[in-house]
Amino acid sequence: MPRGFSEQEKTNIKNSLWEACKQSWTRYGYKKTSVDELCRQVGISKGAFYLFFESKEALFCEVLCGVQEEICDAAIKAMEERRDKQGAAEALKVIYREYDRNNFLYGASSGDYAILMNKLSHEQRQKIERISCKSRKIFSEQPYLKLKVDESMAVSVIYSLIMNIRNKDIFLENHREIFDFMVDHLIDSLYE
């Protein structure tokens, strides 16, 4: 009979699975990331995987929500450091750079992402929607910022800016510099 994992081992294994999933998802996508390969990277059996996650989709949902939560926290921190529209601009730059590091965040229109979403439970899809809703509100519900445009327009413009990352390989200049330029010039049109 195999020995059980200590609490510290459980924490380490779960964190390692999370990181391995994030790296593999970024590199290969959802469909080409296998539980077998994740287990091999972490050094556990496939049976042990199911002690930590009920399914591959449960792990992916946790990774997606966890990364989005980290990004929200980093954006809020940037905005708290400078409580004005320039803080909002800095928060957008933080978000863009995280999306650049984690390309699975902007693959929502890909078939790979659709396959994942179709396999998620209702509760998992709701969890993803809650974190998406939280991220949309970051730029519209700060008491020290006043929008010049309708909230839905502001959120749509911000989303459009961030999603320009999908075109980063065709820009003639460094995509981060282009994004920063757009944000720095657009922020005055969004906020008073």
N, C-alpha and C. Protein backbone atom coordinates (compact mmCIF):
# COMPACT_ATOMS: atom_id res chain seq x y z
N MET A 1 0.86 -1.18 0.00
CA MET A 1 0.00 0.00 0.00
C MET A 1 0.90 1.24 0.00
N PRO A 2 0.71 2.17 -0.95
CA PRO A 2 1.56 3.36 -0.99
C PRO A 2 1.27 4.27 0.19
N ARG A 3 2.32 4.97 0.58
CA ARG A 3 2.15 5.91 1.70
C ARG A 3 1.38 7.13 1.23
N GLY A 4 0.72 7.78 2.17
CA GLY A 4 0.00 9.00 1.85
C GLY A 4 0.95 10.18 1.78
N PHE A 5 0.45 11.27 1.27
CA PHE A 5 1.24 12.50 1.18
C PHE A 5 1.05 13.31 2.45
N SER A 6 2.12 13.92 2.92
CA SER A 6 2.01 14.86 4.04
C SER A 6 1.31 16.11 3.53
N GLU A 7 0.86 16.95 4.42
CA GLU A 7 0.20 18.19 4.03
C GLU A 7 1.13 19.07 3.20
N GLN A 8 2.39 19.12 3.59
CA GLN A 8 3.36 19.92 2.83
C GLN A 8 3.57 19.34 1.43
N GLU A 9 3.64 18.00 1.34
CA GLU A 9 3.78 17.36 0.03
C GLU A 9 2.55 17.64 -0.84
N LYS A 10 1.38 17.58 -0.24
CA LYS A 10 0.15 17.87 -0.99
C LYS A 10 0.18 19.30 -1.55
N THR A 11 0.58 20.23 -0.72
CA THR A 11 0.67 21.63 -1.15
C THR A 11 1.67 21.77 -2.29
N ASN A 12 2.85 21.15 -2.11
CA ASN A 12 3.89 21.23 -3.14
C ASN A 12 3.45 20.59 -4.45
N ILE A 13 2.81 19.44 -4.36
CA ILE A 13 2.36 18.74 -5.57
C ILE A 13 1.29 19.55 -6.28
N LYS A 14 0.34 20.06 -5.53
CA LYS A 14 -0.74 20.85 -6.15
C LYS A 14 -0.15 22.09 -6.83
N ASN A 15 0.77 22.77 -6.16
CA ASN A 15 1.42 23.95 -6.76
C ASN A 15 2.22 23.56 -8.01
N SER A 16 2.89 22.43 -7.95
CA SER A 16 3.67 21.97 -9.11
C SER A 16 2.77 21.61 -10.28
N LEU A 17 1.64 20.96 -10.01
CA LEU A 17 0.69 20.66 -11.07
C LEU A 17 0.15 21.95 -11.70
N TRP A 18 -0.13 22.91 -10.86
CA TRP A 18 -0.64 24.22 -11.30
C TRP A 18 0.37 24.86 -12.24
N GLU A 19 1.63 24.90 -11.84
CA GLU A 19 2.69 25.53 -12.66
C GLU A 19 2.94 24.74 -13.94
N ALA A 20 2.97 23.42 -13.84
CA ALA A 20 3.18 22.60 -15.03
C ALA A 20 2.04 22.79 -16.03
N CYS A 21 0.82 22.86 -15.53
CA CYS A 21 -0.34 23.09 -16.39
C CYS A 21 -0.23 24.45 -17.07
N LYS A 22 0.09 25.46 -16.31
CA LYS A 22 0.21 26.82 -16.86
C LYS A 22 1.26 26.86 -17.97
N GLN A 23 2.39 26.26 -17.73
CA GLN A 23 3.47 26.26 -18.73
C GLN A 23 3.08 25.47 -19.97
N SER A 24 2.50 24.30 -19.78
CA SER A 24 2.12 23.47 -20.90
C SER A 24 0.98 24.11 -21.70
N TRP A 25 0.02 24.70 -21.01
CA TRP A 25 -1.10 25.37 -21.67
C TRP A 25 -0.58 26.53 -22.51
N THR A 26 0.36 27.28 -21.96
CA THR A 26 0.94 28.41 -22.69
C THR A 26 1.68 27.92 -23.93
N ARG A 27 2.38 26.82 -23.79
CA ARG A 27 3.21 26.32 -24.89
C ARG A 27 2.44 25.49 -25.91
N TYR A 28 1.56 24.60 -25.44
CA TYR A 28 0.93 23.63 -26.33
C TYR A 28 -0.58 23.79 -26.50
N GLY A 29 -1.22 24.49 -25.59
CA GLY A 29 -2.67 24.59 -25.63
C GLY A 29 -3.33 23.55 -24.75
N TYR A 30 -4.63 23.68 -24.60
CA TYR A 30 -5.40 22.78 -23.74
C TYR A 30 -5.39 21.35 -24.26
N LYS A 31 -5.76 21.18 -25.51
CA LYS A 31 -5.95 19.84 -26.06
C LYS A 31 -4.66 19.01 -26.03
N LYS A 32 -3.52 19.65 -26.29
CA LYS A 32 -2.26 18.92 -26.36
C LYS A 32 -1.57 18.78 -25.00
N THR A 33 -2.18 19.32 -23.96
CA THR A 33 -1.65 19.14 -22.61
C THR A 33 -2.31 17.91 -22.02
N SER A 34 -1.50 16.91 -21.68
CA SER A 34 -2.07 15.67 -21.16
C SER A 34 -1.82 15.53 -19.66
N VAL A 35 -2.74 14.89 -19.00
CA VAL A 35 -2.59 14.60 -17.57
C VAL A 35 -1.36 13.72 -17.37
N ASP A 36 -1.14 12.76 -18.27
CA ASP A 36 0.04 11.88 -18.16
C ASP A 36 1.33 12.70 -18.13
N GLU A 37 1.44 13.66 -19.05
CA GLU A 37 2.67 14.47 -19.11
C GLU A 37 2.80 15.37 -17.88
N LEU A 38 1.72 15.94 -17.43
CA LEU A 38 1.77 16.78 -16.22
C LEU A 38 2.23 15.94 -15.03
N CYS A 39 1.69 14.74 -14.91
CA CYS A 39 2.08 13.85 -13.81
C CYS A 39 3.55 13.47 -13.90
N ARG A 40 4.01 13.20 -15.11
CA ARG A 40 5.42 12.87 -15.30
C ARG A 40 6.31 14.04 -14.86
N GLN A 41 5.94 15.25 -15.25
CA GLN A 41 6.73 16.43 -14.87
C GLN A 41 6.78 16.63 -13.36
N VAL A 42 5.67 16.35 -12.71
CA VAL A 42 5.58 16.57 -11.26
C VAL A 42 6.11 15.38 -10.47
N GLY A 43 6.15 14.21 -11.09
CA GLY A 43 6.68 13.03 -10.41
C GLY A 43 5.64 12.28 -9.59
N ILE A 44 4.39 12.27 -10.08
CA ILE A 44 3.33 11.52 -9.41
C ILE A 44 2.67 10.59 -10.42
N SER A 45 1.92 9.63 -9.92
CA SER A 45 1.18 8.73 -10.81
C SER A 45 -0.10 9.43 -11.28
N LYS A 46 -0.66 8.91 -12.36
CA LYS A 46 -1.92 9.46 -12.86
C LYS A 46 -3.02 9.28 -11.82
N GLY A 47 -2.99 8.17 -11.11
CA GLY A 47 -3.98 7.95 -10.05
C GLY A 47 -3.87 9.00 -8.95
N ALA A 48 -2.64 9.40 -8.63
CA ALA A 48 -2.44 10.43 -7.60
C ALA A 48 -2.98 11.78 -8.06
N PHE A 49 -2.94 12.04 -9.37
CA PHE A 49 -3.46 13.30 -9.90
C PHE A 49 -4.89 13.53 -9.42
N TYR A 50 -5.69 12.45 -9.44
CA TYR A 50 -7.10 12.57 -9.11
C TYR A 50 -7.35 12.73 -7.60
N LEU A 51 -6.30 12.66 -6.81
CA LEU A 51 -6.42 13.05 -5.40
C LEU A 51 -6.45 14.57 -5.27
N PHE A 52 -5.92 15.25 -6.28
CA PHE A 52 -5.80 16.71 -6.24
C PHE A 52 -6.85 17.42 -7.08
N PHE A 53 -7.19 16.82 -8.21
CA PHE A 53 -8.17 17.42 -9.12
C PHE A 53 -9.08 16.33 -9.65
N GLU A 54 -10.36 16.63 -9.73
CA GLU A 54 -11.33 15.63 -10.19
C GLU A 54 -11.18 15.35 -11.68
N SER A 55 -10.58 16.29 -12.42
CA SER A 55 -10.43 16.12 -13.86
C SER A 55 -9.37 17.09 -14.39
N LYS A 56 -8.97 16.87 -15.61
CA LYS A 56 -8.07 17.79 -16.29
C LYS A 56 -8.72 19.18 -16.35
N GLU A 57 -10.01 19.21 -16.62
CA GLU A 57 -10.72 20.49 -16.73
C GLU A 57 -10.75 21.24 -15.41
N ALA A 58 -10.86 20.51 -14.32
CA ALA A 58 -10.85 21.17 -13.00
C ALA A 58 -9.51 21.87 -12.76
N LEU A 59 -8.42 21.24 -13.15
CA LEU A 59 -7.10 21.86 -13.03
C LEU A 59 -7.02 23.10 -13.92
N PHE A 60 -7.45 22.99 -15.16
CA PHE A 60 -7.39 24.12 -16.08
C PHE A 60 -8.26 25.28 -15.58
N CYS A 61 -9.42 24.97 -15.05
CA CYS A 61 -10.30 26.00 -14.50
C CYS A 61 -9.62 26.71 -13.34
N GLU A 62 -8.99 25.93 -12.47
CA GLU A 62 -8.30 26.53 -11.33
C GLU A 62 -7.14 27.41 -11.78
N VAL A 63 -6.39 26.95 -12.77
CA VAL A 63 -5.27 27.74 -13.29
C VAL A 63 -5.79 29.03 -13.91
N LEU A 64 -6.79 28.93 -14.77
CA LEU A 64 -7.34 30.11 -15.43
C LEU A 64 -7.84 31.13 -14.41
N CYS A 65 -8.63 30.67 -13.46
CA CYS A 65 -9.18 31.57 -12.45
C CYS A 65 -8.07 32.13 -11.54
N GLY A 66 -7.12 31.28 -11.20
CA GLY A 66 -6.02 31.72 -10.34
C GLY A 66 -5.16 32.79 -10.99
N VAL A 67 -4.83 32.60 -12.27
CA VAL A 67 -4.03 33.59 -12.98
C VAL A 67 -4.82 34.89 -13.14
N GLN A 68 -6.10 34.77 -13.48
CA GLN A 68 -6.93 35.98 -13.60
C GLN A 68 -7.02 36.72 -12.26
N GLU A 69 -7.14 35.98 -11.18
CA GLU A 69 -7.20 36.60 -9.84
C GLU A 69 -5.89 37.32 -9.53
N GLU A 70 -4.77 36.70 -9.84
CA GLU A 70 -3.46 37.33 -9.62
C GLU A 70 -3.34 38.62 -10.44
N ILE A 71 -3.81 38.58 -11.67
CA ILE A 71 -3.76 39.76 -12.53
C ILE A 71 -4.64 40.87 -11.98
N CYS A 72 -5.84 40.52 -11.54
CA CYS A 72 -6.73 41.52 -10.92
C CYS A 72 -6.08 42.16 -9.71
N ASP A 73 -5.48 41.34 -8.86
CA ASP A 73 -4.82 41.86 -7.67
C ASP A 73 -3.67 42.79 -8.02
N ALA A 74 -2.87 42.42 -9.03
CA ALA A 74 -1.75 43.26 -9.45
C ALA A 74 -2.25 44.57 -10.05
N ALA A 75 -3.33 44.53 -10.81
CA ALA A 75 -3.89 45.75 -11.40
C ALA A 75 -4.44 46.67 -10.31
N ILE A 76 -5.15 46.09 -9.36
CA ILE A 76 -5.69 46.90 -8.26
C ILE A 76 -4.55 47.53 -7.46
N LYS A 77 -3.50 46.77 -7.23
CA LYS A 77 -2.34 47.30 -6.50
C LYS A 77 -1.74 48.49 -7.26
N ALA A 78 -1.59 48.37 -8.57
CA ALA A 78 -1.05 49.47 -9.38
C ALA A 78 -1.94 50.69 -9.29
N MET A 79 -3.24 50.46 -9.26
CA MET A 79 -4.17 51.59 -9.18
C MET A 79 -4.17 52.22 -7.79
N GLU A 80 -3.97 51.42 -6.76
CA GLU A 80 -3.92 51.94 -5.40
C GLU A 80 -2.66 52.78 -5.15
N GLU A 81 -1.58 52.42 -5.85
CA GLU A 81 -0.33 53.17 -5.69
C GLU A 81 -0.44 54.58 -6.26
N ARG A 82 -1.30 54.72 -7.24
CA ARG A 82 -1.51 56.04 -7.86
C ARG A 82 -2.99 56.15 -8.17
N ARG A 83 -3.71 56.83 -7.34
CA ARG A 83 -5.17 56.88 -7.40
C ARG A 83 -5.66 57.95 -8.38
N ASP A 84 -5.31 57.76 -9.65
CA ASP A 84 -5.78 58.66 -10.69
C ASP A 84 -5.75 57.91 -12.02
N LYS A 85 -6.03 58.62 -13.09
CA LYS A 85 -6.09 57.93 -14.39
C LYS A 85 -4.73 57.37 -14.81
N GLN A 86 -3.65 57.95 -14.33
CA GLN A 86 -2.33 57.38 -14.64
C GLN A 86 -2.12 56.04 -13.93
N GLY A 87 -2.72 55.89 -12.76
CA GLY A 87 -2.71 54.60 -12.07
C GLY A 87 -3.48 53.55 -12.87
N ALA A 88 -4.59 53.99 -13.49
CA ALA A 88 -5.35 53.09 -14.34
C ALA A 88 -4.52 52.69 -15.56
N ALA A 89 -3.77 53.64 -16.11
CA ALA A 89 -2.89 53.33 -17.25
C ALA A 89 -1.83 52.32 -16.85
N GLU A 90 -1.24 52.49 -15.68
CA GLU A 90 -0.22 51.55 -15.20
C GLU A 90 -0.83 50.16 -14.98
N ALA A 91 -2.05 50.13 -14.47
CA ALA A 91 -2.73 48.85 -14.25
C ALA A 91 -2.96 48.13 -15.58
N LEU A 92 -3.34 48.87 -16.60
CA LEU A 92 -3.52 48.28 -17.93
C LEU A 92 -2.22 47.69 -18.46
N LYS A 93 -1.13 48.38 -18.21
CA LYS A 93 0.18 47.88 -18.66
C LYS A 93 0.55 46.60 -17.93
N VAL A 94 0.23 46.53 -16.66
CA VAL A 94 0.46 45.31 -15.88
C VAL A 94 -0.33 44.16 -16.48
N ILE A 95 -1.58 44.39 -16.77
CA ILE A 95 -2.45 43.35 -17.33
C ILE A 95 -1.91 42.88 -18.69
N TYR A 96 -1.56 43.81 -19.52
CA TYR A 96 -1.06 43.47 -20.85
C TYR A 96 0.18 42.58 -20.77
N ARG A 97 1.08 42.92 -19.88
CA ARG A 97 2.31 42.14 -19.75
C ARG A 97 2.03 40.73 -19.22
N GLU A 98 1.05 40.59 -18.36
CA GLU A 98 0.67 39.26 -17.88
C GLU A 98 0.02 38.45 -19.00
N TYR A 99 -0.79 39.09 -19.80
CA TYR A 99 -1.37 38.39 -20.95
C TYR A 99 -0.26 37.96 -21.91
N ASP A 100 0.75 38.77 -22.05
CA ASP A 100 1.87 38.42 -22.92
C ASP A 100 2.60 37.19 -22.39
N ARG A 101 2.71 37.07 -21.09
CA ARG A 101 3.39 35.91 -20.49
C ARG A 101 2.52 34.65 -20.50
N ASN A 102 1.23 34.82 -20.53
CA ASN A 102 0.29 33.69 -20.44
C ASN A 102 -0.67 33.72 -21.62
N ASN A 103 -0.21 33.26 -22.78
CA ASN A 103 -1.01 33.39 -23.99
C ASN A 103 -2.34 32.65 -23.95
N PHE A 104 -2.51 31.71 -23.06
CA PHE A 104 -3.80 31.03 -22.97
C PHE A 104 -4.91 31.97 -22.52
N LEU A 105 -4.54 33.12 -21.96
CA LEU A 105 -5.54 34.09 -21.50
C LEU A 105 -6.26 34.77 -22.66
N TYR A 106 -5.64 34.84 -23.79
CA TYR A 106 -6.30 35.52 -24.91
C TYR A 106 -6.66 34.58 -26.05
N GLY A 107 -6.78 33.32 -25.74
CA GLY A 107 -7.18 32.34 -26.74
C GLY A 107 -8.65 32.02 -26.71
N ALA A 108 -9.46 32.90 -26.14
CA ALA A 108 -10.88 32.62 -25.96
C ALA A 108 -11.62 32.37 -27.27
N SER A 109 -11.08 32.84 -28.37
CA SER A 109 -11.77 32.62 -29.65
C SER A 109 -11.25 31.38 -30.36
N SER A 110 -10.28 30.72 -29.78
CA SER A 110 -9.71 29.54 -30.45
C SER A 110 -10.58 28.31 -30.22
N GLY A 111 -10.46 27.35 -31.13
CA GLY A 111 -11.18 26.09 -30.98
C GLY A 111 -10.74 25.34 -29.74
N ASP A 112 -9.46 25.46 -29.40
CA ASP A 112 -8.90 24.81 -28.22
C ASP A 112 -9.62 25.28 -26.96
N TYR A 113 -9.83 26.58 -26.86
CA TYR A 113 -10.51 27.16 -25.70
C TYR A 113 -11.97 26.71 -25.68
N ALA A 114 -12.59 26.65 -26.84
CA ALA A 114 -13.99 26.22 -26.92
C ALA A 114 -14.15 24.78 -26.45
N ILE A 115 -13.18 23.94 -26.80
CA ILE A 115 -13.23 22.54 -26.34
C ILE A 115 -13.20 22.50 -24.81
N LEU A 116 -12.30 23.28 -24.22
CA LEU A 116 -12.22 23.33 -22.75
C LEU A 116 -13.55 23.81 -22.17
N MET A 117 -14.07 24.91 -22.67
CA MET A 117 -15.30 25.48 -22.12
C MET A 117 -16.46 24.48 -22.21
N ASN A 118 -16.51 23.72 -23.29
CA ASN A 118 -17.58 22.73 -23.46
C ASN A 118 -17.46 21.57 -22.48
N LYS A 119 -16.27 21.32 -21.98
CA LYS A 119 -16.07 20.22 -21.04
C LYS A 119 -16.21 20.65 -19.58
N LEU A 120 -16.28 21.94 -19.32
CA LEU A 120 -16.40 22.43 -17.94
C LEU A 120 -17.80 22.21 -17.41
N SER A 121 -17.88 22.00 -16.13
CA SER A 121 -19.18 21.90 -15.48
C SER A 121 -19.82 23.29 -15.41
N HIS A 122 -21.08 23.30 -15.11
CA HIS A 122 -21.80 24.57 -14.96
C HIS A 122 -21.14 25.42 -13.87
N GLU A 123 -20.77 24.80 -12.77
CA GLU A 123 -20.13 25.51 -11.65
C GLU A 123 -18.78 26.09 -12.07
N GLN A 124 -18.02 25.34 -12.85
CA GLN A 124 -16.72 25.83 -13.30
C GLN A 124 -16.88 27.02 -14.25
N ARG A 125 -17.85 26.95 -15.14
CA ARG A 125 -18.11 28.08 -16.05
C ARG A 125 -18.56 29.30 -15.26
N GLN A 126 -19.35 29.10 -14.23
CA GLN A 126 -19.78 30.22 -13.38
C GLN A 126 -18.59 30.84 -12.66
N LYS A 127 -17.67 30.01 -12.20
CA LYS A 127 -16.47 30.51 -11.52
C LYS A 127 -15.65 31.38 -12.47
N ILE A 128 -15.50 30.95 -13.70
CA ILE A 128 -14.77 31.73 -14.70
C ILE A 128 -15.51 33.04 -14.99
N GLU A 129 -16.82 32.99 -15.07
CA GLU A 129 -17.61 34.20 -15.32
C GLU A 129 -17.48 35.19 -14.17
N ARG A 130 -17.45 34.69 -12.93
CA ARG A 130 -17.31 35.59 -11.77
C ARG A 130 -15.98 36.35 -11.81
N ILE A 131 -14.89 35.65 -12.13
CA ILE A 131 -13.60 36.32 -12.17
C ILE A 131 -13.54 37.27 -13.37
N SER A 132 -14.18 36.92 -14.46
CA SER A 132 -14.24 37.82 -15.62
C SER A 132 -15.00 39.08 -15.27
N CYS A 133 -16.09 38.92 -14.55
CA CYS A 133 -16.89 40.07 -14.12
C CYS A 133 -16.07 40.97 -13.20
N LYS A 134 -15.34 40.36 -12.29
CA LYS A 134 -14.48 41.13 -11.37
C LYS A 134 -13.45 41.94 -12.16
N SER A 135 -12.84 41.31 -13.15
CA SER A 135 -11.81 42.01 -13.91
C SER A 135 -12.40 43.15 -14.73
N ARG A 136 -13.63 43.00 -15.23
CA ARG A 136 -14.26 44.09 -15.98
C ARG A 136 -14.55 45.29 -15.11
N LYS A 137 -14.82 45.04 -13.82
CA LYS A 137 -15.20 46.13 -12.92
C LYS A 137 -14.02 46.93 -12.36
N ILE A 138 -12.82 46.41 -12.52
CA ILE A 138 -11.65 47.08 -11.97
C ILE A 138 -11.56 48.53 -12.44
N PHE A 139 -11.85 48.76 -13.70
CA PHE A 139 -11.65 50.08 -14.28
C PHE A 139 -12.89 50.96 -14.26
N SER A 140 -13.99 50.43 -13.76
CA SER A 140 -15.22 51.23 -13.74
C SER A 140 -15.76 51.49 -12.34
N GLU A 141 -15.21 50.82 -11.34
CA GLU A 141 -15.78 50.96 -10.00
C GLU A 141 -14.79 51.50 -8.97
N GLN A 142 -13.83 52.28 -9.43
CA GLN A 142 -12.89 52.90 -8.49
C GLN A 142 -13.44 54.27 -8.11
N PRO A 143 -13.61 54.56 -6.81
CA PRO A 143 -14.24 55.82 -6.41
C PRO A 143 -13.43 57.06 -6.79
N TYR A 144 -12.16 56.92 -7.04
CA TYR A 144 -11.31 58.07 -7.37
C TYR A 144 -11.18 58.28 -8.88
N LEU A 145 -11.88 57.46 -9.67
CA LEU A 145 -11.86 57.61 -11.12
C LEU A 145 -13.27 57.91 -11.62
N LYS A 146 -13.35 58.88 -12.51
CA LYS A 146 -14.66 59.19 -13.11
C LYS A 146 -14.55 59.04 -14.62
N LEU A 147 -15.41 58.18 -15.14
CA LEU A 147 -15.41 57.92 -16.58
C LEU A 147 -15.98 59.12 -17.36
N LYS A 148 -15.40 59.37 -18.51
CA LYS A 148 -15.92 60.37 -19.44
C LYS A 148 -16.90 59.75 -20.42
N VAL A 149 -16.87 58.45 -20.53
CA VAL A 149 -17.72 57.73 -21.48
C VAL A 149 -18.57 56.72 -20.72
N ASP A 150 -19.53 56.16 -21.41
CA ASP A 150 -20.38 55.12 -20.85
C ASP A 150 -19.51 53.95 -20.37
N GLU A 151 -19.89 53.33 -19.26
CA GLU A 151 -19.12 52.23 -18.69
C GLU A 151 -18.89 51.09 -19.69
N SER A 152 -19.93 50.72 -20.42
CA SER A 152 -19.76 49.62 -21.37
C SER A 152 -18.79 50.00 -22.50
N MET A 153 -18.78 51.26 -22.89
CA MET A 153 -17.83 51.72 -23.89
C MET A 153 -16.40 51.65 -23.33
N ALA A 154 -16.22 52.12 -22.11
CA ALA A 154 -14.89 52.10 -21.49
C ALA A 154 -14.37 50.67 -21.37
N VAL A 155 -15.20 49.77 -20.88
CA VAL A 155 -14.78 48.37 -20.72
C VAL A 155 -14.47 47.76 -22.08
N SER A 156 -15.27 48.08 -23.09
CA SER A 156 -15.03 47.55 -24.44
C SER A 156 -13.72 48.09 -25.02
N VAL A 157 -13.44 49.36 -24.81
CA VAL A 157 -12.20 49.96 -25.31
C VAL A 157 -11.00 49.31 -24.62
N ILE A 158 -11.10 49.14 -23.31
CA ILE A 158 -10.00 48.53 -22.55
C ILE A 158 -9.78 47.09 -23.01
N TYR A 159 -10.85 46.35 -23.17
CA TYR A 159 -10.73 44.97 -23.65
C TYR A 159 -10.09 44.94 -25.04
N SER A 160 -10.53 45.84 -25.92
CA SER A 160 -9.97 45.90 -27.27
C SER A 160 -8.47 46.19 -27.24
N LEU A 161 -8.08 47.11 -26.38
CA LEU A 161 -6.65 47.42 -26.25
C LEU A 161 -5.86 46.19 -25.85
N ILE A 162 -6.32 45.52 -24.81
CA ILE A 162 -5.60 44.35 -24.30
C ILE A 162 -5.57 43.25 -25.35
N MET A 163 -6.66 43.05 -26.06
CA MET A 163 -6.72 41.98 -27.05
C MET A 163 -5.88 42.26 -28.29
N ASN A 164 -5.35 43.47 -28.41
CA ASN A 164 -4.39 43.74 -29.49
C ASN A 164 -3.17 42.85 -29.38
N ILE A 165 -3.01 42.22 -28.23
CA ILE A 165 -1.88 41.31 -28.05
C ILE A 165 -1.92 40.17 -29.07
N ARG A 166 -3.09 39.85 -29.56
CA ARG A 166 -3.21 38.80 -30.59
C ARG A 166 -2.45 39.16 -31.87
N ASN A 167 -2.22 40.46 -32.07
CA ASN A 167 -1.55 40.95 -33.27
C ASN A 167 -0.08 41.28 -33.04
N LYS A 168 0.44 40.94 -31.89
CA LYS A 168 1.78 41.39 -31.52
C LYS A 168 2.87 40.99 -32.51
N ASP A 169 2.69 39.90 -33.20
CA ASP A 169 3.72 39.42 -34.12
C ASP A 169 3.75 40.17 -35.46
N ILE A 170 2.72 40.95 -35.74
CA ILE A 170 2.71 41.66 -37.02
C ILE A 170 3.04 43.15 -36.90
N PHE A 171 3.18 43.64 -35.67
CA PHE A 171 3.52 45.05 -35.48
C PHE A 171 4.93 45.35 -35.97
N LEU A 172 5.12 46.54 -36.49
CA LEU A 172 6.44 46.96 -36.98
C LEU A 172 7.36 47.38 -35.84
N GLU A 173 6.79 47.73 -34.71
CA GLU A 173 7.55 48.14 -33.53
C GLU A 173 7.27 47.15 -32.40
N ASN A 174 7.98 47.31 -31.29
CA ASN A 174 7.79 46.47 -30.11
C ASN A 174 6.35 46.59 -29.63
N HIS A 175 5.67 45.47 -29.51
CA HIS A 175 4.25 45.49 -29.17
C HIS A 175 3.98 46.10 -27.80
N ARG A 176 4.88 45.95 -26.85
CA ARG A 176 4.67 46.56 -25.52
C ARG A 176 4.75 48.08 -25.61
N GLU A 177 5.70 48.57 -26.39
CA GLU A 177 5.81 50.03 -26.57
C GLU A 177 4.58 50.58 -27.28
N ILE A 178 4.06 49.85 -28.25
CA ILE A 178 2.85 50.27 -28.95
C ILE A 178 1.68 50.31 -27.97
N PHE A 179 1.54 49.26 -27.17
CA PHE A 179 0.45 49.22 -26.19
C PHE A 179 0.57 50.39 -25.21
N ASP A 180 1.76 50.62 -24.68
CA ASP A 180 1.97 51.72 -23.74
C ASP A 180 1.61 53.05 -24.37
N PHE A 181 2.01 53.26 -25.60
CA PHE A 181 1.70 54.50 -26.31
C PHE A 181 0.18 54.67 -26.43
N MET A 182 -0.51 53.61 -26.85
CA MET A 182 -1.96 53.69 -27.00
C MET A 182 -2.64 54.00 -25.67
N VAL A 183 -2.22 53.31 -24.62
CA VAL A 183 -2.82 53.53 -23.31
C VAL A 183 -2.56 54.96 -22.83
N ASP A 184 -1.32 55.40 -22.94
CA ASP A 184 -0.97 56.75 -22.47
C ASP A 184 -1.75 57.84 -23.19
N HIS A 185 -2.10 57.61 -24.45
CA HIS A 185 -2.83 58.61 -25.21
C HIS A 185 -4.34 58.45 -25.13
N LEU A 186 -4.78 57.27 -24.81
CA LEU A 186 -6.22 57.03 -24.74
C LEU A 186 -6.80 57.27 -23.35
N ILE A 187 -5.98 57.17 -22.35
CA ILE A 187 -6.47 57.25 -20.97
C ILE A 187 -7.21 58.56 -20.70
N ASP A 188 -6.76 59.66 -21.31
CA ASP A 188 -7.41 60.95 -21.13
C ASP A 188 -8.80 60.98 -21.75
N SER A 189 -9.05 60.13 -22.72
CA SER A 189 -10.38 60.07 -23.35
C SER A 189 -11.35 59.22 -22.53
N LEU A 190 -10.83 58.38 -21.68
CA LEU A 190 -11.69 57.51 -20.86
C LEU A 190 -12.04 58.12 -19.50
N TYR A 191 -11.06 58.81 -18.90
CA TYR A 191 -11.23 59.29 -17.52
C TYR A 191 -11.02 60.80 -17.43
N GLU A 192 -11.73 61.40 -16.49
CA GLU A 192 -11.54 62.84 -16.20
C GLU A 192 -10.27 63.04 -15.42
